[in-house]
Amino acid sequence: MSDSSAMAILLPSTSALLSHKASHVCISPRVANIQVRKNIIKRVFENGNTLRHRVMTKAQTSLEAVTAESIDDQNDFGVVNLHHVGILCENLERSLDFYQNILGLKINEARPHDKLPYRGAWLWVGSEMIHLMELPNPDPYTGRPEHGGRDRHTCIAIRDVLKLKAILDKAGIPYTLSRSGRPAIFTRDPDTNALEFTQIDSP
């Protein structure tokens, strides 16, 4: 049987495919006397989008759509990047001493520090930010994993892990290295929030 003949049997109502915008399709007509499995790809072009339907048939069984892939922008609401990460702290000045004087991060003065009902600061991390918020922290200070990679953590990409390691050693701040052997270092801020610094190649 040719693919075109099989198509007529397998897809008796192609118009249904043209009208739908769902990402998954299930079609179940009865198909008899087909002794071999066939994979038939049906491409339907609609509004500049491609819908690819991969249909597998089995001998003397009803037809079921195994997979249906769609390329459309129905669920694309415009993700651009990660804007900022919010980190809770008990004492803003103590945290700023760590993030500014140890890690060297700069405050974004354009952010509304004084317009929120709690104290805080926005710190630049490349083109994104960390938002320090002086609020009660629900996380316990004790009983946390020694290795920050096994805890909730924020990851910052850097150029030189060994240089940061020397800075933490000089400041007496404990840290752990990546368990996988990659160039990455884990430490915690004064409120035990875990931070990962992973080394990336220069562009």
Protein backbone atom coordinates (compact mmCIF):
# COMPACT_ATOMS: atom_id res chain seq x y z
CA MET A 1 0.00 0.00 0.00
CA SER A 2 1.37 3.41 -0.91
CA ASP A 3 1.76 6.21 1.63
CA SER A 4 -0.91 8.23 -0.18
CA SER A 5 -3.40 5.32 0.07
CA ALA A 6 -2.55 4.81 3.71
CA MET A 7 -3.05 8.52 4.28
CA ALA A 8 -6.58 8.31 2.95
CA ILE A 9 -7.36 5.50 5.39
CA LEU A 10 -5.54 6.93 8.37
CA LEU A 11 -6.61 10.53 8.06
CA PRO A 12 -10.17 10.54 6.71
CA SER A 13 -10.86 13.98 8.13
CA THR A 14 -7.80 16.11 7.47
CA SER A 15 -9.88 19.26 7.90
CA ALA A 16 -9.99 18.54 11.63
CA LEU A 17 -6.22 18.85 11.72
CA LEU A 18 -6.32 22.15 9.87
CA SER A 19 -8.70 23.75 12.34
CA HIS A 20 -7.16 22.73 15.66
CA LYS A 21 -4.43 24.57 17.55
CA ALA A 22 -3.78 22.03 20.28
CA SER A 23 -0.27 20.68 20.84
CA HIS A 24 -1.46 17.05 21.09
CA VAL A 25 -3.81 15.10 18.82
CA CYS A 26 -5.52 11.73 19.18
CA ILE A 27 -7.20 10.11 16.16
CA SER A 28 -8.84 6.66 16.46
CA PRO A 29 -10.46 5.31 13.26
CA ARG A 30 -10.53 1.52 12.73
CA VAL A 31 -7.81 0.23 10.42
CA ALA A 32 -7.86 -3.38 9.18
CA ASN A 33 -5.55 -5.59 7.10
CA ILE A 34 -2.44 -3.48 7.55
CA GLN A 35 0.29 -5.97 8.40
CA VAL A 36 3.24 -3.67 8.86
CA ARG A 37 3.86 -0.60 10.89
CA LYS A 38 4.08 2.64 9.01
CA ASN A 39 5.23 6.02 10.17
CA ILE A 40 3.50 8.76 8.29
CA ILE A 41 4.43 12.38 8.75
CA LYS A 42 1.73 14.86 7.97
CA ARG A 43 2.77 18.49 7.85
CA VAL A 44 0.05 21.07 7.95
CA PHE A 45 0.92 24.73 7.43
CA GLU A 46 -1.36 27.18 9.17
CA ASN A 47 -0.69 30.86 9.77
CA GLY A 48 3.01 30.40 9.19
CA ASN A 49 3.25 27.66 11.84
CA THR A 50 4.12 24.03 11.19
CA LEU A 51 2.18 21.23 12.85
CA ARG A 52 3.94 17.86 12.59
CA HIS A 53 1.84 14.79 13.32
CA ARG A 54 3.67 11.48 13.64
CA VAL A 55 1.18 8.64 13.41
CA MET A 56 2.03 4.98 14.02
CA THR A 57 -0.30 2.19 12.93
CA LYS A 58 -0.45 -1.40 14.16
CA ALA A 59 -1.92 -4.47 12.44
CA GLN A 60 -5.62 -5.02 13.16
CA THR A 61 -5.76 -2.37 15.87
CA SER A 62 -7.27 1.06 16.17
CA LEU A 63 -5.04 3.95 15.23
CA GLU A 64 -3.64 6.15 17.97
CA ALA A 65 -1.54 9.24 17.56
CA VAL A 66 1.66 8.45 19.44
CA THR A 67 3.17 11.91 19.35
CA ALA A 68 2.14 15.26 18.03
CA GLU A 69 4.59 18.12 17.95
CA SER A 70 3.60 21.69 17.26
CA ILE A 71 5.67 24.76 16.70
CA ASP A 72 3.59 27.77 17.58
CA ASP A 73 3.70 30.81 19.82
CA GLN A 74 0.43 30.16 21.64
CA ASN A 75 2.19 29.88 25.03
CA ASP A 76 5.04 32.30 24.32
CA PHE A 77 4.48 35.27 26.63
CA GLY A 78 7.89 36.80 25.95
CA VAL A 79 10.42 35.44 28.47
CA VAL A 80 13.60 37.55 28.17
CA ASN A 81 15.90 36.61 31.06
CA LEU A 82 16.14 36.37 34.86
CA HIS A 83 15.62 39.90 36.20
CA HIS A 84 16.59 39.48 39.86
CA VAL A 85 16.74 37.06 42.80
CA GLY A 86 15.25 38.02 46.16
CA ILE A 87 17.37 37.13 49.21
CA LEU A 88 16.17 37.61 52.79
CA CYS A 89 18.49 39.03 55.43
CA GLU A 90 18.20 39.76 59.15
CA ASN A 91 20.45 42.81 59.13
CA LEU A 92 20.85 44.85 55.96
CA GLU A 93 24.15 46.48 56.94
CA ARG A 94 25.74 43.14 57.79
CA SER A 95 24.62 41.67 54.47
CA LEU A 96 25.79 44.70 52.51
CA ASP A 97 29.22 44.36 54.11
CA PHE A 98 29.39 40.81 52.73
CA TYR A 99 27.95 41.43 49.28
CA GLN A 100 29.75 44.72 48.70
CA ASN A 101 33.07 44.37 50.53
CA ILE A 102 33.69 40.64 50.08
CA LEU A 103 31.98 39.92 46.76
CA GLY A 104 32.44 43.40 45.30
CA LEU A 105 28.86 43.90 44.11
CA LYS A 106 27.62 47.43 43.44
CA ILE A 107 24.29 48.94 44.53
CA ASN A 108 21.80 49.89 41.83
CA GLU A 109 20.79 53.32 43.09
CA ALA A 110 18.02 53.60 40.48
CA ARG A 111 15.89 50.98 42.21
CA PRO A 112 13.18 52.11 44.70
CA HIS A 113 14.94 51.40 48.01
CA ASP A 114 12.76 53.80 49.99
CA LYS A 115 9.39 53.02 48.39
CA LEU A 116 8.95 49.54 49.86
CA PRO A 117 7.53 48.78 53.33
CA TYR A 118 10.80 47.12 54.39
CA ARG A 119 14.49 47.93 54.16
CA GLY A 120 16.47 46.53 51.29
CA ALA A 121 19.00 47.07 48.54
CA TRP A 122 19.40 46.09 44.88
CA LEU A 123 22.84 44.84 43.87
CA TRP A 124 24.10 44.44 40.32
CA VAL A 125 25.12 40.93 39.22
CA GLY A 126 26.20 41.53 35.64
CA SER A 127 23.06 42.84 33.92
CA GLU A 128 20.75 41.18 36.50
CA MET A 129 20.33 41.88 40.22
CA ILE A 130 20.08 40.52 43.73
CA HIS A 131 17.41 42.16 45.87
CA LEU A 132 18.35 42.05 49.55
CA MET A 133 15.26 42.30 51.75
CA GLU A 134 15.44 42.83 55.50
CA LEU A 135 12.59 40.50 56.44
CA PRO A 136 12.17 37.51 58.76
CA ASN A 137 13.78 34.46 57.19
CA PRO A 138 11.69 31.27 57.47
CA ASP A 139 14.74 29.06 56.83
CA PRO A 140 16.55 27.65 59.88
CA TYR A 141 20.10 28.78 60.60
CA THR A 142 21.16 25.34 61.77
CA GLY A 143 20.80 21.87 60.32
CA ARG A 144 21.45 23.04 56.75
CA PRO A 145 23.62 20.95 54.40
CA GLU A 146 27.31 21.76 54.65
CA HIS A 147 27.53 21.81 50.87
CA GLY A 148 25.44 24.64 49.45
CA GLY A 149 24.86 22.66 46.26
CA ARG A 150 22.47 20.44 48.23
CA ASP A 151 20.42 23.43 49.42
CA ARG A 152 18.41 26.18 47.76
CA HIS A 153 21.01 28.41 46.21
CA THR A 154 21.68 31.26 43.83
CA CYS A 155 24.29 30.63 41.13
CA ILE A 156 26.50 33.46 39.84
CA ALA A 157 28.76 33.03 36.80
CA ILE A 158 32.31 34.32 37.30
CA ARG A 159 35.63 34.31 35.42
CA ASP A 160 38.07 33.07 38.10
CA VAL A 161 37.11 30.61 40.84
CA LEU A 162 40.65 30.47 42.23
CA LYS A 163 40.71 34.24 42.78
CA LEU A 164 37.40 34.09 44.66
CA LYS A 165 38.73 31.16 46.69
CA ALA A 166 41.70 33.32 47.77
CA ILE A 167 39.32 36.16 48.72
CA LEU A 168 37.19 33.84 50.87
CA ASP A 169 40.30 32.32 52.48
CA LYS A 170 41.59 35.79 53.41
CA ALA A 171 38.22 36.75 54.91
CA GLY A 172 37.96 33.44 56.80
CA ILE A 173 34.67 32.55 55.10
CA PRO A 174 34.05 28.78 54.76
CA TYR A 175 33.23 27.25 51.41
CA THR A 176 33.03 23.94 49.59
CA LEU A 177 34.09 23.05 46.07
CA SER A 178 31.99 21.39 43.40
CA ARG A 179 31.55 17.66 44.03
CA SER A 180 31.79 16.98 40.28
CA GLY A 181 35.21 18.54 39.93
CA ARG A 182 34.08 21.41 37.72
CA PRO A 183 35.38 24.91 38.57
CA ALA A 184 32.72 26.03 41.03
CA ILE A 185 32.71 27.12 44.67
CA PHE A 186 29.85 27.24 47.20
CA THR A 187 29.58 29.50 50.22
CA ARG A 188 26.92 31.13 52.40
CA ASP A 189 26.11 34.72 53.25
CA PRO A 190 25.70 35.91 56.88
CA ASP A 191 22.10 34.59 56.88
CA THR A 192 23.20 31.13 55.63
CA ASN A 193 21.72 31.75 52.16
CA ALA A 194 23.69 29.44 49.85
CA LEU A 195 25.59 30.93 46.91
CA GLU A 196 27.27 29.12 44.04
CA PHE A 197 29.95 30.71 41.88
CA THR A 198 30.63 28.82 38.69
CA GLN A 199 33.46 29.64 36.33
CA ILE A 200 32.65 30.26 32.69
CA ASP A 201 34.94 30.76 29.73
CA SER A 202 35.71 34.27 28.53
CA PRO A 203 33.81 35.28 25.38
